[in-house]
């Protein structure tokens, strides 16, 4: 992740759909926007769990649709993480995107996964939306959380065995919290 302050840190939200949320968001989170053009969306896809998508074509309208989905998914996920009722307005873009054909996976001769030619921004959008449907209707739905740090709003799914993950990343917010606790006990 590369926030506007230039600091780089590792953050694994545990699901493809939640990886998209780290590219910006609605309202005050728009300052973290990284998807300024189709090429940035293609670069995000290559760095995500999807891996490289050679030949992925993304149009400006598809990019706008990805941003709309991301913003709705951000609000939906935050509501879910805090146990608030879901707003149906946030479900509509998610379900609309999931209805389109997703990217088509295939196995290469070397045993690696790749994507079939003809990948589009609409297919990418559908793949992300379907991942969200699987997450929020699956066994880890109750483990979607917001980072416990008061100044961090990153959302993740806790896939740890005990299910007690509290921080977006131990290297960032977890260490800061432990340092604050340590300083408080020393004082």
Protein backbone atom coordinates (compact mmCIF):
# COMPACT_ATOMS: atom_id res chain seq x y z
CA UNK A 1 0.00 0.00 0.00
CA UNK A 2 1.16 3.52 -0.80
CA UNK A 3 -0.81 6.24 1.02
CA UNK A 4 -0.39 9.93 0.05
CA UNK A 5 2.29 10.47 2.70
CA UNK A 6 4.58 8.14 0.75
CA UNK A 7 4.95 5.59 3.54
CA UNK A 8 4.81 2.04 2.19
CA UNK A 9 3.61 -0.89 4.27
CA UNK A 10 2.29 -4.38 3.74
CA UNK A 11 -1.42 -4.88 4.25
CA UNK A 12 -3.28 -8.10 3.48
CA UNK A 13 -7.02 -7.59 3.88
CA UNK A 14 -7.67 -11.30 3.30
CA UNK A 15 -9.98 -10.98 0.26
CA UNK A 16 -9.78 -9.55 -3.25
CA UNK A 17 -12.82 -7.32 -2.77
CA UNK A 18 -11.26 -5.77 0.34
CA UNK A 19 -8.00 -5.13 -1.53
CA UNK A 20 -9.96 -2.76 -3.77
CA UNK A 21 -11.01 -0.70 -0.74
CA UNK A 22 -7.40 0.37 -0.15
CA UNK A 23 -7.43 2.31 -3.46
CA UNK A 24 -9.55 5.18 -2.12
CA UNK A 25 -13.10 5.57 -0.96
CA UNK A 26 -16.06 7.85 -0.44
CA UNK A 27 -16.02 11.22 1.30
CA UNK A 28 -12.88 11.86 3.34
CA UNK A 29 -11.26 8.69 1.98
CA UNK A 30 -11.18 10.15 -1.55
CA UNK A 31 -7.80 11.68 -0.64
CA UNK A 32 -6.34 8.16 -0.85
CA UNK A 33 -7.54 7.73 -4.45
CA UNK A 34 -5.05 5.77 -6.55
CA UNK A 35 -7.27 4.83 -9.49
CA UNK A 36 -6.86 8.01 -11.55
CA UNK A 37 -6.97 6.29 -14.93
CA UNK A 38 -7.47 2.92 -16.60
CA UNK A 39 -3.75 2.15 -16.40
CA UNK A 40 -3.83 2.46 -12.58
CA UNK A 41 -6.70 -0.03 -12.42
CA UNK A 42 -4.72 -2.46 -14.59
CA UNK A 43 -1.69 -1.99 -12.34
CA UNK A 44 -3.84 -2.58 -9.23
CA UNK A 45 -5.18 -5.81 -10.74
CA UNK A 46 -1.65 -7.04 -11.47
CA UNK A 47 -0.56 -6.33 -7.87
CA UNK A 48 -3.71 -7.85 -6.35
CA UNK A 49 -4.55 -11.50 -5.70
CA UNK A 50 -5.57 -11.73 -9.34
CA UNK A 51 -2.01 -11.33 -10.52
CA UNK A 52 -1.05 -10.08 -13.97
CA UNK A 53 -3.89 -9.74 -16.48
CA UNK A 54 -2.05 -9.34 -19.80
CA UNK A 55 -4.22 -7.63 -22.36
CA UNK A 56 -6.68 -6.27 -19.79
CA UNK A 57 -8.51 -3.37 -21.39
CA UNK A 58 -10.21 -0.81 -19.21
CA UNK A 59 -12.29 2.11 -20.44
CA UNK A 60 -13.03 5.33 -18.56
CA UNK A 61 -16.70 4.29 -17.99
CA UNK A 62 -15.48 0.94 -16.59
CA UNK A 63 -13.07 2.75 -14.29
CA UNK A 64 -15.94 4.95 -13.07
CA UNK A 65 -18.01 1.80 -12.44
CA UNK A 66 -15.16 0.27 -10.42
CA UNK A 67 -14.94 3.42 -8.29
CA UNK A 68 -18.73 3.37 -7.71
CA UNK A 69 -18.56 -0.27 -6.67
CA UNK A 70 -15.56 0.41 -4.43
CA UNK A 71 -17.29 3.29 -2.66
CA UNK A 72 -20.51 1.31 -2.13
CA UNK A 73 -18.53 -1.73 -1.00
CA UNK A 74 -16.50 0.43 1.39
CA UNK A 75 -19.66 1.72 3.09
CA UNK A 76 -21.30 -1.72 3.04
CA UNK A 77 -18.21 -3.36 4.56
CA UNK A 78 -17.88 -0.70 7.28
CA UNK A 79 -21.55 -1.17 8.21
CA UNK A 80 -21.05 -4.93 8.30
CA UNK A 81 -17.87 -4.69 10.39
CA UNK A 82 -19.66 -2.54 12.97
CA UNK A 83 -22.86 -4.62 13.04
CA UNK A 84 -24.96 -1.84 11.52
CA UNK A 85 -27.90 -2.67 9.23
CA UNK A 86 -27.01 -2.83 5.56
CA UNK A 87 -28.10 0.05 3.38
CA UNK A 88 -29.83 -1.38 0.27
CA UNK A 89 -28.30 1.44 -1.82
CA UNK A 90 -24.88 -0.14 -1.20
CA UNK A 91 -26.05 -3.58 -2.31
CA UNK A 92 -27.37 -2.48 -5.68
CA UNK A 93 -24.00 -1.68 -7.34
CA UNK A 94 -22.55 -4.87 -5.85
CA UNK A 95 -25.31 -7.12 -7.19
CA UNK A 96 -25.38 -5.35 -10.57
CA UNK A 97 -21.63 -5.84 -11.01
CA UNK A 98 -21.77 -9.50 -9.89
CA UNK A 99 -24.39 -10.23 -12.58
CA UNK A 100 -21.91 -9.58 -15.42
CA UNK A 101 -19.54 -12.30 -16.68
CA UNK A 102 -16.31 -12.42 -14.58
CA UNK A 103 -12.75 -12.82 -15.78
CA UNK A 104 -12.15 -16.33 -17.09
CA UNK A 105 -9.31 -18.19 -15.40
CA UNK A 106 -7.20 -20.82 -17.12
CA UNK A 107 -4.23 -23.05 -16.35
CA UNK A 108 -1.01 -22.49 -18.28
CA UNK A 109 1.34 -25.29 -19.40
CA UNK A 110 3.65 -24.55 -16.45
CA UNK A 111 0.76 -25.07 -13.99
CA UNK A 112 0.26 -21.38 -13.20
CA UNK A 113 -3.05 -19.58 -13.35
CA UNK A 114 -3.65 -16.88 -15.91
CA UNK A 115 -6.58 -15.05 -17.41
CA UNK A 116 -8.17 -15.77 -20.75
CA UNK A 117 -7.62 -13.21 -23.49
CA UNK A 118 -10.23 -10.49 -23.81
CA UNK A 119 -10.22 -9.44 -20.15
CA UNK A 120 -12.11 -6.18 -19.63
CA UNK A 121 -12.76 -3.76 -16.82
CA UNK A 122 -16.34 -5.09 -16.66
CA UNK A 123 -15.04 -8.63 -16.15
CA UNK A 124 -12.65 -7.38 -13.48
CA UNK A 125 -15.51 -5.53 -11.77
CA UNK A 126 -17.66 -8.68 -11.82
CA UNK A 127 -14.83 -10.78 -10.41
CA UNK A 128 -14.38 -8.37 -7.50
CA UNK A 129 -18.14 -8.16 -6.88
CA UNK A 130 -18.50 -11.96 -6.89
CA UNK A 131 -15.67 -12.19 -4.39
CA UNK A 132 -17.61 -9.78 -2.15
CA UNK A 133 -20.77 -11.88 -2.48
CA UNK A 134 -18.78 -14.99 -1.54
CA UNK A 135 -17.17 -13.22 1.42
CA UNK A 136 -20.33 -11.73 2.89
CA UNK A 137 -22.40 -14.89 2.43
CA UNK A 138 -19.66 -17.33 3.44
CA UNK A 139 -18.07 -18.66 6.61
CA UNK A 140 -15.81 -15.62 7.16
CA UNK A 141 -18.60 -13.01 6.99
CA UNK A 142 -18.57 -12.66 10.77
CA UNK A 143 -14.82 -12.01 10.70
CA UNK A 144 -14.89 -8.81 8.64
CA UNK A 145 -13.41 -6.08 10.81
CA UNK A 146 -12.08 -2.56 10.87
CA UNK A 147 -8.59 -1.96 12.23
CA UNK A 148 -8.72 -1.39 16.00
CA UNK A 149 -6.43 1.64 15.80
CA UNK A 150 -8.43 4.80 16.37
CA UNK A 151 -6.84 6.60 13.42
CA UNK A 152 -6.99 3.74 10.89
CA UNK A 153 -10.06 2.78 8.92
CA UNK A 154 -8.71 -0.14 6.90
CA UNK A 155 -11.09 -3.07 6.60
CA UNK A 156 -10.03 -6.71 6.52
CA UNK A 157 -11.26 -10.24 7.00
CA UNK A 158 -9.65 -12.12 9.85
CA UNK A 159 -8.55 -15.44 8.39
CA UNK A 160 -6.32 -16.32 11.34
CA UNK A 161 -7.03 -19.63 13.03
CA UNK A 162 -8.07 -18.16 16.40
CA UNK A 163 -10.00 -15.31 14.75
CA UNK A 164 -8.60 -12.58 16.99
CA UNK A 165 -6.83 -10.29 14.52
CA UNK A 166 -7.34 -6.66 15.54
CA UNK A 167 -4.97 -4.66 13.36
CA UNK A 168 -4.75 -3.96 9.65
CA UNK A 169 -1.10 -4.92 9.89
CA UNK A 170 1.01 -5.75 12.91
CA UNK A 171 3.93 -3.88 11.30
CA UNK A 172 1.92 -0.66 11.36
CA UNK A 173 -1.01 -0.25 13.72
CA UNK A 174 -0.28 -3.28 15.89
CA UNK A 175 3.25 -2.13 16.70
CA UNK A 176 2.05 1.42 17.37
CA UNK A 177 -0.58 0.15 19.81
CA UNK A 178 1.90 -2.10 21.59
CA UNK A 179 4.39 0.77 21.86
CA UNK A 180 1.70 3.05 23.33
CA UNK A 181 0.72 0.35 25.84
CA UNK A 182 4.37 -0.19 26.77
CA UNK A 183 4.97 3.54 27.27
CA UNK A 184 1.80 3.81 29.38
CA UNK A 185 2.89 0.97 31.68
CA UNK A 186 6.36 2.51 32.09
CA UNK A 187 4.91 5.91 33.06
